[in-house]
Amino acid sequence: MNTHCAQIAKYIATVVLCAALAACGGGDGGGSTSASASVAGSTASSDTTTGVEFEPPNEVDAPDFDPSGAVSQNDGSIDTSSVNDGVVLAQAKSKSRLKFVVACGDMSYNYDLPGDGTPIACPINMGDGAYEFAIMRNVGGNDYVQTTSASAKVKLSSEFAPFLQPNLFCDYADDSACVQKSKELTADAQNVGDAVRAVCTYITDNVVYDTDKAESLGKVTGYVPNPDETFATNKGICFDYASLGAAMLRSIGIPTKIVTGYVSPNDLYHAWIMIYIDGSWTSAKFEVDPLSWSRIDLTFGTDSGSEELVGNGKTYTDRYVY
C-alpha cells in the first residue's frame, strides 16, 4: 500500500473528523501535536513598542482557484499550484457531506468542503514535505469514501508563507472592510510593534464577547468564522476574535497563526493567535518578543468573557494551527 493509500485508509478507519470548540463554537481539525505554554501576558504598566520599520504590502495577493493547476475527478478538484506559497485549494459538487483531507507524514487535518462547488483554501501548515490531499464523500453515518486525490512535494517559499495568506478560517481580500481598517489603523506606524499594537488594541477595545453565540454553538461542529462579519457587528466568540486578528494582521504583512487548543482552568477548548515580528510590544496585557512566535489571546484581553467561556489566560495547550 503506498503512502497516500495508507493515509486515507487510516483516515477512514479512525473516522475522527471533528474537534468541538466547546463553548467557543465548533471546528474540525487534524492531528497536530500538543504543547503547553504560559500566557504571553505581562504585568508591566508600560506600553512600549520596538522593531524594524513598518512596511506593509501594497495589497492582498491571495491565490485563486486555478483549474489549469488542479487534479479533477468525480466532480471534485484539488488545486496544488500554490502549495509552495502556503495554501492548497479544493472544490466539489455533491449532495452528500464532504471533507477535504490534508496530510503530511503522520499528521493530518480535515475540513468541511461545501458541496456547491465553492472553493476553499486550506493552509499548508505542516512544514515542507510530501503532502497528500483527498476529497472524501459521506456514504452514511461516519463512513466516507475517497472521490478525488492529489499529492505534492512542498518546499515553502518561507516558513511564514501559510500564515500570511487568507484561508478557510481567515477569509479576507484586499477590499474587505477589516483589511481597509487595518491599513487605516497602521498608516502612521513607525515600527512593526506599533502596527501590532494598533490592530490588537482596536480589536480588544471594540469587539465584545458574544455570550449568546457561545452558548448556541456550544455543541456545534464545523463553525467557520467570518472576519468582516465580526468587524461589522463588533461581537464574537474566541474563534471570531482569532480570525479577525489574523485577517487584519496578515493583510499588513504580520505572520499570524490561528491556534485552537486548551486553556486553563479545566482544559477549556479555545482559540487565540500567535504572531512573529522583528520587534516587540509590551503592555499590561500582552508581551510580544522579537523574532519568536508570541501568543496573543485577544478574547482574554477584552476582559469581556467569563472564565467559564474564555479561561483564565494562565496556561495554554496548542492543538491545531491554521
Protein backbone atom coordinates (compact mmCIF):
# COMPACT_ATOMS: atom_id res chain seq x y z
CA MET A 1 0.00 0.00 0.00
CA ASN A 2 1.51 3.39 -0.97
CA THR A 3 1.81 6.31 1.44
CA HIS A 4 -1.25 8.07 0.09
CA CYS A 5 -3.46 4.99 0.37
CA ALA A 6 -2.16 4.30 3.85
CA GLN A 7 -3.02 7.86 4.95
CA ILE A 8 -6.54 7.68 3.55
CA ALA A 9 -7.12 4.16 4.86
CA LYS A 10 -6.06 5.34 8.30
CA TYR A 11 -8.40 8.31 7.95
CA ILE A 12 -11.39 6.13 7.03
CA ALA A 13 -10.63 3.66 9.80
CA THR A 14 -10.44 6.24 12.55
CA VAL A 15 -13.28 8.47 11.32
CA VAL A 16 -12.36 11.03 13.92
CA LEU A 17 -13.49 14.03 11.96
CA CYS A 18 -14.45 16.72 14.42
CA ALA A 19 -12.88 18.56 17.33
CA ALA A 20 -15.56 20.61 19.08
CA LEU A 21 -14.70 24.13 20.14
CA ALA A 22 -16.90 23.67 23.21
CA ALA A 23 -18.26 26.97 24.44
CA CYS A 24 -16.21 28.79 21.80
CA GLY A 25 -18.14 27.25 18.90
CA GLY A 26 -17.38 24.28 16.65
CA GLY A 27 -14.46 23.39 14.39
CA ASP A 28 -12.79 20.49 12.60
CA GLY A 29 -9.15 19.66 12.81
CA GLY A 30 -6.41 17.12 12.41
CA GLY A 31 -3.57 15.56 14.26
CA SER A 32 -1.15 18.27 15.19
CA THR A 33 0.99 17.88 18.28
CA SER A 34 0.14 19.45 21.60
CA ALA A 35 2.41 21.60 23.74
CA SER A 36 1.69 23.58 26.88
CA ALA A 37 2.77 27.17 27.22
CA SER A 38 2.16 30.01 29.61
CA VAL A 39 0.15 33.03 28.57
CA ALA A 40 2.19 35.70 26.82
CA GLY A 41 0.79 38.39 29.05
CA SER A 42 2.69 40.89 31.12
CA THR A 43 2.01 42.70 34.36
CA ALA A 44 4.08 45.64 33.12
CA SER A 45 2.37 49.02 33.34
CA SER A 46 4.28 50.49 30.37
CA ASP A 47 3.05 50.29 26.80
CA THR A 48 6.08 50.26 24.54
CA THR A 49 6.98 49.02 21.08
CA THR A 50 10.15 48.39 19.11
CA GLY A 51 11.01 46.92 15.75
CA VAL A 52 12.12 47.39 12.21
CA GLU A 53 10.43 49.99 10.07
CA PHE A 54 6.86 49.02 9.26
CA GLU A 55 6.45 48.44 5.53
CA PRO A 56 3.08 46.79 4.74
CA PRO A 57 2.40 45.15 1.38
CA ASN A 58 0.62 47.28 -1.20
CA GLU A 59 -2.33 44.91 -1.40
CA VAL A 60 -3.54 41.43 -0.53
CA ASP A 61 -2.45 38.97 -3.21
CA ALA A 62 -4.26 35.74 -2.38
CA PRO A 63 -4.14 32.72 -4.74
CA ASP A 64 -7.38 31.98 -6.60
CA PHE A 65 -8.52 28.51 -7.61
CA ASP A 66 -6.66 27.66 -10.82
CA PRO A 67 -8.39 24.94 -12.89
CA SER A 68 -5.26 24.52 -15.02
CA GLY A 69 -3.29 23.54 -11.92
CA ALA A 70 -5.94 21.23 -10.49
CA VAL A 71 -6.48 17.48 -10.42
CA SER A 72 -10.15 16.79 -11.21
CA GLN A 73 -12.02 13.54 -10.56
CA ASN A 74 -15.65 12.66 -9.81
CA ASP A 75 -16.95 16.24 -9.60
CA GLY A 76 -14.10 17.29 -7.33
CA SER A 77 -10.94 19.29 -7.98
CA ILE A 78 -7.77 19.89 -5.96
CA ASP A 79 -5.52 22.78 -6.94
CA THR A 80 -1.91 22.30 -5.77
CA SER A 81 -0.41 25.14 -7.81
CA SER A 82 0.00 27.39 -4.74
CA VAL A 83 1.28 24.89 -2.18
CA ASN A 84 4.75 26.46 -2.04
CA ASP A 85 3.04 29.75 -1.21
CA GLY A 86 1.36 28.08 1.76
CA VAL A 87 -2.13 27.14 0.56
CA VAL A 88 -4.00 24.33 -1.23
CA LEU A 89 -7.45 24.82 -2.75
CA ALA A 90 -10.29 22.37 -3.31
CA GLN A 91 -13.83 22.41 -4.68
CA ALA A 92 -16.50 19.79 -5.35
CA LYS A 93 -20.16 19.22 -6.05
CA SER A 94 -22.18 16.68 -4.13
CA LYS A 95 -25.46 16.34 -2.28
CA SER A 96 -23.64 14.39 0.43
CA ARG A 97 -21.41 15.85 3.14
CA LEU A 98 -17.82 16.32 2.01
CA LYS A 99 -14.50 16.52 3.80
CA PHE A 100 -11.15 17.71 2.45
CA VAL A 101 -8.12 15.97 3.97
CA VAL A 102 -4.63 17.48 4.06
CA ALA A 103 -1.98 15.01 5.26
CA CYS A 104 1.78 15.03 5.68
CA GLY A 105 3.63 12.17 7.34
CA ASP A 106 1.71 11.07 10.42
CA MET A 107 -0.21 14.33 10.69
CA SER A 108 -3.48 15.26 9.01
CA TYR A 109 -6.12 17.98 9.04
CA ASN A 110 -9.64 17.73 7.69
CA TYR A 111 -12.03 20.47 6.65
CA ASP A 112 -15.69 20.70 5.73
CA LEU A 113 -15.96 21.20 1.97
CA PRO A 114 -19.10 22.82 0.52
CA GLY A 115 -21.00 20.67 -1.97
CA ASP A 116 -22.00 23.56 -4.23
CA GLY A 117 -18.65 23.97 -5.95
CA THR A 118 -17.44 26.86 -3.80
CA PRO A 119 -13.64 26.55 -3.42
CA ILE A 120 -11.94 26.61 -0.04
CA ALA A 121 -8.33 27.44 0.72
CA CYS A 122 -6.55 25.41 3.39
CA PRO A 123 -3.13 26.11 4.90
CA ILE A 124 -0.02 24.07 4.18
CA ASN A 125 0.64 24.10 7.91
CA MET A 126 2.86 21.07 8.49
CA GLY A 127 6.09 22.41 7.01
CA ASP A 128 7.99 21.13 3.98
CA GLY A 129 7.46 17.57 2.83
CA ALA A 130 5.34 15.17 0.81
CA TYR A 131 1.67 16.09 1.15
CA GLU A 132 -1.36 14.00 0.25
CA PHE A 133 -4.79 15.53 -0.40
CA ALA A 134 -8.19 13.87 -0.71
CA ILE A 135 -11.83 14.81 -1.05
CA MET A 136 -13.99 12.41 0.94
CA ARG A 137 -17.75 11.87 0.47
CA ASN A 138 -20.04 10.72 3.25
CA VAL A 139 -21.87 7.47 2.45
CA GLY A 140 -23.74 7.13 5.74
CA GLY A 141 -23.10 7.62 9.42
CA ASN A 142 -19.40 8.23 9.95
CA ASP A 143 -18.37 6.40 6.78
CA TYR A 144 -16.56 8.27 4.00
CA VAL A 145 -15.13 7.22 0.65
CA GLN A 146 -12.42 8.94 -1.34
CA THR A 147 -13.59 10.62 -4.54
CA THR A 148 -10.62 12.80 -5.52
CA SER A 149 -6.93 12.70 -4.62
CA ALA A 150 -3.73 14.57 -5.36
CA SER A 151 -0.21 14.85 -3.99
CA ALA A 152 2.59 17.40 -3.94
CA LYS A 153 6.13 17.77 -2.67
CA VAL A 154 6.10 21.06 -0.80
CA LYS A 155 9.02 23.44 -0.40
CA LEU A 156 7.57 26.54 1.19
CA SER A 157 8.80 29.87 -0.12
CA SER A 158 9.07 30.90 3.54
CA GLU A 159 8.21 29.29 6.85
CA PHE A 160 5.80 32.20 7.29
CA ALA A 161 4.04 31.77 3.93
CA PRO A 162 1.00 29.81 5.24
CA PHE A 163 0.43 32.45 7.90
CA LEU A 164 0.40 35.41 5.53
CA GLN A 165 -2.41 34.05 3.35
CA PRO A 166 -6.19 34.03 3.64
CA ASN A 167 -7.67 30.59 4.27
CA LEU A 168 -10.93 28.91 5.23
CA PHE A 169 -10.77 30.13 8.84
CA CYS A 170 -9.29 33.50 7.97
CA ASP A 171 -11.02 34.61 4.77
CA TYR A 172 -10.35 38.12 3.53
CA ALA A 173 -9.47 40.11 0.41
CA ASP A 174 -7.92 43.48 -0.31
CA ASP A 175 -11.36 45.14 -0.33
CA SER A 176 -12.50 43.53 2.95
CA ALA A 177 -13.69 46.10 5.46
CA CYS A 178 -11.44 44.73 8.19
CA VAL A 179 -8.42 44.90 5.87
CA GLN A 180 -9.13 48.52 4.99
CA LYS A 181 -9.47 49.29 8.71
CA SER A 182 -6.13 47.62 9.41
CA LYS A 183 -4.46 49.80 6.78
CA GLU A 184 -6.07 52.89 8.32
CA LEU A 185 -5.00 51.97 11.85
CA THR A 186 -1.38 51.38 10.86
CA ALA A 187 -0.94 54.28 8.44
CA ASP A 188 1.28 56.15 10.92
CA ALA A 189 3.01 53.13 12.49
CA GLN A 190 6.73 53.76 12.90
CA ASN A 191 7.71 50.13 13.51
CA VAL A 192 6.17 46.67 13.41
CA GLY A 193 5.45 46.79 17.13
CA ASP A 194 3.36 49.92 16.57
CA ALA A 195 1.37 48.13 13.87
CA VAL A 196 0.63 45.11 16.06
CA ARG A 197 -0.39 47.33 18.97
CA ALA A 198 -2.74 49.40 16.80
CA VAL A 199 -4.60 46.38 15.42
CA CYS A 200 -4.82 44.37 18.63
CA THR A 201 -5.82 47.36 20.74
CA TYR A 202 -8.58 48.20 18.28
CA ILE A 203 -9.99 44.67 18.48
CA THR A 204 -9.87 44.41 22.26
CA ASP A 205 -11.38 47.90 22.65
CA ASN A 206 -14.21 47.41 20.16
CA VAL A 207 -15.22 43.74 19.91
CA VAL A 208 -17.43 42.39 22.70
CA TYR A 209 -17.61 38.72 23.63
CA ASP A 210 -20.90 37.23 22.40
CA THR A 211 -22.11 35.01 25.24
CA ASP A 212 -25.36 34.08 23.49
CA LYS A 213 -23.46 32.92 20.40
CA ALA A 214 -21.06 30.91 22.53
CA GLU A 215 -23.93 29.12 24.20
CA SER A 216 -25.74 28.43 20.91
CA LEU A 217 -22.60 26.99 19.31
CA GLY A 218 -21.57 25.01 22.38
CA LYS A 219 -22.44 21.65 20.82
CA VAL A 220 -21.97 22.55 17.15
CA THR A 221 -19.06 21.40 14.99
CA GLY A 222 -17.86 22.88 11.74
CA TYR A 223 -18.28 26.56 12.67
CA VAL A 224 -16.39 28.86 10.27
CA PRO A 225 -15.71 32.45 11.41
CA ASN A 226 -16.09 35.45 9.11
CA PRO A 227 -13.69 38.34 9.87
CA ASP A 228 -15.76 41.01 8.16
CA GLU A 229 -18.90 39.90 9.99
CA THR A 230 -17.11 40.14 13.33
CA PHE A 231 -15.75 43.54 12.33
CA ALA A 232 -19.21 44.78 11.30
CA THR A 233 -21.07 43.52 14.37
CA ASN A 234 -18.29 44.21 16.89
CA LYS A 235 -19.02 40.96 18.68
CA GLY A 236 -17.97 37.33 18.51
CA ILE A 237 -16.60 34.24 20.22
CA CYS A 238 -12.96 33.27 20.64
CA PHE A 239 -12.67 31.82 17.12
CA ASP A 240 -14.07 35.08 15.73
CA TYR A 241 -11.52 37.14 17.65
CA ALA A 242 -8.67 34.95 16.39
CA SER A 243 -9.94 35.01 12.80
CA LEU A 244 -10.38 38.78 12.76
CA GLY A 245 -6.98 39.35 14.35
CA ALA A 246 -5.30 37.06 11.84
CA ALA A 247 -7.02 38.68 8.87
CA MET A 248 -6.11 42.21 9.94
CA LEU A 249 -2.51 41.34 10.81
CA ARG A 250 -1.78 39.06 7.85
CA SER A 251 -3.14 41.66 5.47
CA ILE A 252 -0.46 44.11 6.61
CA GLY A 253 2.34 41.57 6.42
CA ILE A 254 2.48 40.30 10.02
CA PRO A 255 2.82 36.46 10.13
CA THR A 256 -0.08 35.26 12.28
CA LYS A 257 -1.15 31.75 13.28
CA ILE A 258 -4.68 30.89 14.35
CA VAL A 259 -4.34 28.31 17.12
CA THR A 260 -7.03 26.23 18.76
CA GLY A 261 -6.42 24.14 21.83
CA TYR A 262 -6.98 24.11 25.55
CA VAL A 263 -6.76 26.82 28.19
CA SER A 264 -6.86 26.67 31.95
CA PRO A 265 -8.84 26.06 34.01
CA ASN A 266 -10.35 22.67 33.22
CA ASP A 267 -8.90 22.39 29.68
CA LEU A 268 -11.50 24.62 28.06
CA TYR A 269 -11.33 24.44 24.25
CA HIS A 270 -10.37 27.86 22.98
CA ALA A 271 -8.82 29.86 20.11
CA TRP A 272 -6.09 32.52 20.00
CA ILE A 273 -3.34 33.86 17.72
CA MET A 274 0.44 33.78 17.66
CA ILE A 275 2.50 36.37 15.78
CA TYR A 276 6.11 36.71 14.64
CA ILE A 277 7.78 40.11 14.23
CA ASP A 278 11.25 41.63 14.23
CA GLY A 279 10.29 43.80 17.13
CA SER A 280 8.33 43.83 20.37
CA TRP A 281 5.23 45.09 22.12
CA THR A 282 4.92 45.14 25.88
CA SER A 283 1.77 46.26 27.64
CA ALA A 284 -0.24 45.43 30.72
CA LYS A 285 -1.98 42.57 28.86
CA PHE A 286 0.40 41.41 26.13
CA GLU A 287 4.07 40.73 25.64
CA VAL A 288 5.38 40.18 22.12
CA ASP A 289 9.04 39.17 21.91
CA PRO A 290 11.24 39.81 18.87
CA LEU A 291 11.93 37.03 16.36
CA SER A 292 9.80 34.40 18.11
CA TRP A 293 6.19 33.24 17.97
CA SER A 294 4.34 35.19 20.66
CA ARG A 295 0.87 34.37 21.93
CA ILE A 296 -1.88 36.99 21.92
CA ASP A 297 -5.25 35.96 23.33
CA LEU A 298 -7.50 38.76 22.10
CA THR A 299 -10.55 37.29 23.84
CA PHE A 300 -8.87 37.29 27.23
CA GLY A 301 -7.55 40.77 26.53
CA THR A 302 -11.08 42.17 26.28
CA ASP A 303 -12.00 41.24 29.86
CA SER A 304 -15.48 40.62 28.46
CA GLY A 305 -15.86 36.86 28.63
CA SER A 306 -16.38 34.83 31.79
CA GLU A 307 -13.72 32.38 32.91
CA GLU A 308 -16.11 29.52 32.13
CA LEU A 309 -16.14 30.60 28.45
CA VAL A 310 -12.67 32.02 27.74
CA GLY A 311 -10.48 30.62 30.52
CA ASN A 312 -8.17 32.50 32.86
CA GLY A 313 -5.30 33.16 30.43
CA LYS A 314 -2.68 31.37 32.52
CA THR A 315 -1.82 28.12 30.74
CA TYR A 316 -2.37 27.11 27.10
CA THR A 317 -2.02 23.82 25.22
CA ASP A 318 -1.74 24.17 21.44
CA ARG A 319 -3.68 21.60 19.39
CA TYR A 320 -4.39 22.80 15.84
CA VAL A 321 -2.75 25.55 13.80
CA TYR A 322 -4.33 27.29 10.80
